[in-house]
């Protein structure tokens, strides 16, 4: 039984190493993957790798929208172009210079994503003001600064769910405007506040049942609609960081489905 367990462990380790090597080779294979990753991080954060605001012209998008010898010579898929287009439009909105009308139509045509480009209208129907002509806009809470997580150059954007985790685990409270139900409960009872409460005896850590298992208080987050791998990574890192504290919380995150970038774009196109 011991030999069988070791053999299974070695196989799993070998498979993981092989997967990591395949990802590394693809990233450095001269395809568009490396360029897309860096460009998307700049557009998502609004900052370059040095932490400086990106160029208002976002010139890096040109080679994606226009495949020509004068560009970087790489070929980008329609979905890659659409992902960059969405981030590009959101940045134009943030800079107070939204692109719409004829200019947007020409860009979509030039990028040869006319069918996929209709997804921009789908985003508007979701309440996201992407081109500056939406009347009923979604109320988006301000992002939190100063996250304690170390990041790679290629994963600098921090998912919004990290703000929620930090608000609970660091600030010990949730924003009353974003979470009115919790605020009402806090006002209605002196026993209930915005802090995280454990069902296991006032938040104290219990004796470990198994090695490495966190048996202390838990922060449980359920995301309706979908969950990305980046958001799962946030929960893992938060648990690892807080597990070093005396009353550190274990973060458990879940959803009804896992959403990848390709699947997200695919759903946007289908919703047309």
Protein backbone atom coordinates (compact mmCIF):
# COMPACT_ATOMS: atom_id res chain seq x y z
CA UNK A 1 0.00 0.00 0.00
CA UNK A 2 2.88 2.33 0.85
CA UNK A 3 4.59 1.59 -2.47
CA UNK A 4 1.33 2.20 -4.32
CA UNK A 5 0.85 5.56 -2.57
CA UNK A 6 4.41 6.64 -3.39
CA UNK A 7 3.95 5.61 -7.01
CA UNK A 8 0.74 7.66 -7.30
CA UNK A 9 2.46 10.65 -5.70
CA UNK A 10 5.38 10.44 -8.12
CA UNK A 11 2.99 10.23 -11.09
CA UNK A 12 1.10 13.29 -9.91
CA UNK A 13 4.33 15.20 -9.38
CA UNK A 14 5.59 14.21 -12.85
CA UNK A 15 2.33 15.31 -14.44
CA UNK A 16 2.50 18.66 -12.65
CA UNK A 17 6.10 19.28 -13.74
CA UNK A 18 5.22 18.35 -17.33
CA UNK A 19 2.24 20.71 -17.29
CA UNK A 20 4.43 23.53 -15.96
CA UNK A 21 7.01 22.90 -18.68
CA UNK A 22 4.33 22.87 -21.39
CA UNK A 23 2.96 26.21 -20.15
CA UNK A 24 6.46 27.72 -20.02
CA UNK A 25 7.29 26.53 -23.53
CA UNK A 26 4.01 27.91 -24.91
CA UNK A 27 4.61 31.25 -23.17
CA UNK A 28 8.05 31.54 -24.79
CA UNK A 29 7.18 29.94 -28.12
CA UNK A 30 7.00 33.19 -30.07
CA UNK A 31 3.20 33.08 -30.26
CA UNK A 32 0.93 35.91 -29.17
CA UNK A 33 0.48 34.50 -25.63
CA UNK A 34 3.33 36.43 -24.01
CA UNK A 35 2.40 39.73 -25.65
CA UNK A 36 -1.29 39.34 -24.78
CA UNK A 37 -0.54 38.54 -21.13
CA UNK A 38 1.58 41.66 -20.62
CA UNK A 39 -0.80 43.91 -22.55
CA UNK A 40 -3.86 42.70 -20.65
CA UNK A 41 -2.13 43.33 -17.32
CA UNK A 42 -1.34 46.90 -18.34
CA UNK A 43 -4.88 47.55 -19.51
CA UNK A 44 -6.46 45.89 -16.45
CA UNK A 45 -4.33 47.79 -13.92
CA UNK A 46 -3.78 51.02 -15.87
CA UNK A 47 -0.10 50.76 -15.00
CA UNK A 48 2.96 49.44 -16.78
CA UNK A 49 5.43 47.01 -15.25
CA UNK A 50 7.25 49.90 -13.52
CA UNK A 51 4.06 51.07 -11.85
CA UNK A 52 3.69 54.10 -14.11
CA UNK A 53 0.38 55.13 -15.75
CA UNK A 54 0.06 53.66 -19.22
CA UNK A 55 0.14 55.81 -22.34
CA UNK A 56 -3.26 57.39 -22.96
CA UNK A 57 -3.03 56.27 -26.60
CA UNK A 58 -2.51 52.65 -25.47
CA UNK A 59 -0.36 52.12 -28.54
CA UNK A 60 0.29 48.50 -27.58
CA UNK A 61 -3.24 47.67 -28.73
CA UNK A 62 -2.51 48.65 -32.33
CA UNK A 63 -0.61 45.47 -33.16
CA UNK A 64 -3.51 43.41 -31.80
CA UNK A 65 -6.24 45.18 -33.73
CA UNK A 66 -4.22 45.45 -36.94
CA UNK A 67 -2.26 42.36 -38.04
CA UNK A 68 0.20 43.76 -40.55
CA UNK A 69 3.92 43.51 -41.41
CA UNK A 70 4.41 46.85 -39.69
CA UNK A 71 3.13 45.40 -36.43
CA UNK A 72 4.71 42.67 -34.33
CA UNK A 73 3.99 40.04 -36.97
CA UNK A 74 1.93 37.90 -34.60
CA UNK A 75 -1.53 36.60 -35.34
CA UNK A 76 -4.22 37.15 -32.72
CA UNK A 77 -7.45 35.20 -32.46
CA UNK A 78 -10.83 36.99 -32.57
CA UNK A 79 -11.36 36.25 -28.87
CA UNK A 80 -7.95 37.72 -27.97
CA UNK A 81 -8.81 40.82 -29.95
CA UNK A 82 -12.17 41.11 -28.24
CA UNK A 83 -10.65 40.78 -24.76
CA UNK A 84 -8.19 43.56 -25.55
CA UNK A 85 -10.96 45.66 -27.11
CA UNK A 86 -13.10 45.44 -23.95
CA UNK A 87 -10.17 46.49 -21.74
CA UNK A 88 -9.25 49.22 -24.22
CA UNK A 89 -12.77 50.68 -24.14
CA UNK A 90 -12.92 50.55 -20.33
CA UNK A 91 -9.64 52.46 -20.14
CA UNK A 92 -10.89 55.05 -22.62
CA UNK A 93 -13.91 55.52 -20.34
CA UNK A 94 -11.71 55.89 -17.28
CA UNK A 95 -9.62 58.52 -19.06
CA UNK A 96 -12.74 60.50 -19.93
CA UNK A 97 -12.41 59.87 -23.65
CA UNK A 98 -14.96 57.14 -24.49
CA UNK A 99 -14.92 55.63 -27.97
CA UNK A 100 -18.29 55.12 -29.58
CA UNK A 101 -20.28 55.54 -32.74
CA UNK A 102 -18.46 55.52 -36.04
CA UNK A 103 -15.00 55.37 -34.45
CA UNK A 104 -15.86 52.18 -32.58
CA UNK A 105 -17.45 50.62 -35.65
CA UNK A 106 -14.35 51.34 -37.75
CA UNK A 107 -12.07 49.83 -35.10
CA UNK A 108 -14.17 46.65 -34.91
CA UNK A 109 -14.18 46.36 -38.70
CA UNK A 110 -10.44 46.98 -38.94
CA UNK A 111 -9.79 44.31 -36.32
CA UNK A 112 -11.99 41.93 -38.33
CA UNK A 113 -14.16 41.01 -35.33
CA UNK A 114 -17.52 42.29 -36.51
CA UNK A 115 -19.48 39.31 -35.13
CA UNK A 116 -17.54 39.15 -31.87
CA UNK A 117 -17.62 42.94 -31.54
CA UNK A 118 -21.37 42.84 -30.97
CA UNK A 119 -20.52 41.60 -27.47
CA UNK A 120 -19.87 45.25 -26.56
CA UNK A 121 -23.62 45.81 -26.67
CA UNK A 122 -24.08 42.75 -24.43
CA UNK A 123 -21.79 44.30 -21.83
CA UNK A 124 -23.91 47.43 -21.85
CA UNK A 125 -27.00 45.33 -21.13
CA UNK A 126 -25.19 43.97 -18.07
CA UNK A 127 -25.11 47.52 -16.67
CA UNK A 128 -21.44 48.20 -17.41
CA UNK A 129 -20.82 51.62 -18.93
CA UNK A 130 -18.23 50.73 -21.54
CA UNK A 131 -18.71 53.48 -24.15
CA UNK A 132 -20.21 56.32 -22.13
CA UNK A 133 -23.84 56.20 -23.25
CA UNK A 134 -25.44 54.13 -20.49
CA UNK A 135 -28.18 55.78 -18.42
CA UNK A 136 -28.65 53.22 -15.64
CA UNK A 137 -25.09 52.50 -14.57
CA UNK A 138 -24.08 49.89 -12.04
CA UNK A 139 -22.81 51.27 -8.75
CA UNK A 140 -19.23 50.08 -8.55
CA UNK A 141 -17.54 50.49 -5.15
CA UNK A 142 -14.04 52.03 -5.15
CA UNK A 143 -11.13 49.63 -5.27
CA UNK A 144 -8.94 49.03 -2.25
CA UNK A 145 -5.28 50.01 -2.34
CA UNK A 146 -2.32 48.46 -0.58
CA UNK A 147 -3.01 44.76 -0.98
CA UNK A 148 -0.58 42.64 1.01
CA UNK A 149 -0.15 40.04 -1.70
CA UNK A 150 3.12 39.63 -3.60
CA UNK A 151 2.42 39.53 -7.32
CA UNK A 152 4.21 38.56 -10.49
CA UNK A 153 4.58 40.99 -13.36
CA UNK A 154 2.12 38.85 -15.32
CA UNK A 155 -0.51 38.74 -12.56
CA UNK A 156 -0.57 42.28 -11.17
CA UNK A 157 -4.31 42.79 -11.47
CA UNK A 158 -6.08 42.00 -8.20
CA UNK A 159 -9.64 40.58 -8.42
CA UNK A 160 -12.37 42.52 -6.61
CA UNK A 161 -13.03 39.54 -4.34
CA UNK A 162 -9.64 40.26 -2.74
CA UNK A 163 -11.06 43.60 -1.55
CA UNK A 164 -13.84 41.73 0.23
CA UNK A 165 -11.40 39.32 1.89
CA UNK A 166 -9.15 42.16 3.06
CA UNK A 167 -12.12 44.17 4.36
CA UNK A 168 -13.16 41.24 6.54
CA UNK A 169 -9.78 39.82 7.54
CA UNK A 170 -7.84 43.08 7.94
CA UNK A 171 -10.35 45.88 8.56
CA UNK A 172 -12.73 43.51 10.37
CA UNK A 173 -15.76 45.12 8.76
CA UNK A 174 -17.67 45.32 5.48
CA UNK A 175 -18.79 48.48 3.73
CA UNK A 176 -22.36 49.21 4.86
CA UNK A 177 -23.33 50.66 1.46
CA UNK A 178 -22.20 47.60 -0.46
CA UNK A 179 -23.55 45.16 2.14
CA UNK A 180 -26.68 46.81 3.57
CA UNK A 181 -28.08 43.53 4.96
CA UNK A 182 -25.05 43.07 7.20
CA UNK A 183 -25.34 46.69 8.33
CA UNK A 184 -29.02 46.24 9.26
CA UNK A 185 -28.19 43.10 11.24
CA UNK A 186 -25.48 45.03 13.06
CA UNK A 187 -27.92 47.77 14.08
CA UNK A 188 -30.64 45.32 15.09
CA UNK A 189 -28.57 43.28 17.51
CA UNK A 190 -25.74 44.10 19.85
CA UNK A 191 -24.48 40.55 19.36
CA UNK A 192 -24.02 40.97 15.62
CA UNK A 193 -21.49 43.32 14.06
CA UNK A 194 -19.64 43.61 10.80
CA UNK A 195 -16.91 41.28 12.06
CA UNK A 196 -16.60 37.69 10.96
CA UNK A 197 -18.04 35.33 13.56
CA UNK A 198 -17.14 31.68 13.92
CA UNK A 199 -19.67 29.02 14.76
CA UNK A 200 -16.97 27.25 16.72
CA UNK A 201 -16.94 29.03 20.04
CA UNK A 202 -16.28 32.75 19.66
CA UNK A 203 -13.73 32.37 16.90
CA UNK A 204 -11.15 30.34 18.84
CA UNK A 205 -9.02 27.76 17.14
CA UNK A 206 -9.96 24.16 17.91
CA UNK A 207 -7.55 21.25 18.22
CA UNK A 208 -6.37 20.15 14.80
CA UNK A 209 -8.16 17.10 13.47
CA UNK A 210 -5.57 16.40 10.81
CA UNK A 211 -2.09 17.70 10.14
CA UNK A 212 -2.14 20.96 8.25
CA UNK A 213 -5.89 21.43 8.54
CA UNK A 214 -7.16 24.81 9.67
CA UNK A 215 -9.87 24.26 12.29
CA UNK A 216 -10.26 27.89 13.31
CA UNK A 217 -12.82 30.46 12.13
CA UNK A 218 -13.77 30.42 8.46
CA UNK A 219 -14.63 33.08 5.94
CA UNK A 220 -17.00 31.53 3.37
CA UNK A 221 -17.59 33.38 0.11
CA UNK A 222 -20.01 32.20 -2.56
CA UNK A 223 -19.92 34.00 -5.91
CA UNK A 224 -23.13 33.69 -7.91
CA UNK A 225 -22.62 33.34 -11.64
CA UNK A 226 -19.04 32.14 -11.92
CA UNK A 227 -15.60 32.08 -10.39
CA UNK A 228 -12.20 32.53 -12.02
CA UNK A 229 -8.93 30.79 -11.21
CA UNK A 230 -7.45 34.15 -10.18
CA UNK A 231 -10.19 34.53 -7.55
CA UNK A 232 -9.52 31.03 -6.25
CA UNK A 233 -5.85 31.94 -5.97
CA UNK A 234 -6.82 34.95 -3.85
CA UNK A 235 -8.67 32.68 -1.42
CA UNK A 236 -5.75 30.25 -1.24
CA UNK A 237 -3.23 33.03 -0.58
CA UNK A 238 -5.47 34.67 2.02
CA UNK A 239 -5.85 31.35 3.87
CA UNK A 240 -2.12 30.74 3.79
CA UNK A 241 -1.37 34.24 5.07
CA UNK A 242 -3.99 34.17 7.82
CA UNK A 243 -3.16 30.64 8.92
CA UNK A 244 0.04 32.04 10.42
CA UNK A 245 -1.99 34.15 12.87
CA UNK A 246 -3.34 32.87 16.16
CA UNK A 247 -6.98 33.27 15.15
CA UNK A 248 -6.40 33.30 11.42
CA UNK A 249 -9.37 32.58 9.21
CA UNK A 250 -9.52 29.87 6.63
CA UNK A 251 -11.02 31.26 3.44
CA UNK A 252 -13.41 28.99 1.55
CA UNK A 253 -14.65 30.23 -1.80
CA UNK A 254 -17.13 28.63 -4.17
CA UNK A 255 -19.47 29.26 -7.05
CA UNK A 256 -21.85 27.48 -9.39
CA UNK A 257 -19.24 27.29 -12.17
CA UNK A 258 -15.63 28.02 -13.07
CA UNK A 259 -15.16 30.68 -15.73
CA UNK A 260 -12.11 30.94 -17.98
CA UNK A 261 -11.35 33.97 -20.21
CA UNK A 262 -12.31 32.01 -23.31
CA UNK A 263 -15.58 30.82 -21.79
CA UNK A 264 -16.43 34.33 -20.63
CA UNK A 265 -15.98 35.77 -24.12
CA UNK A 266 -17.89 32.82 -25.57
CA UNK A 267 -20.83 33.52 -23.25
CA UNK A 268 -20.76 37.22 -24.15
CA UNK A 269 -20.95 36.40 -27.86
CA UNK A 270 -23.79 33.92 -27.29
CA UNK A 271 -25.82 36.42 -25.26
CA UNK A 272 -26.23 38.64 -28.29
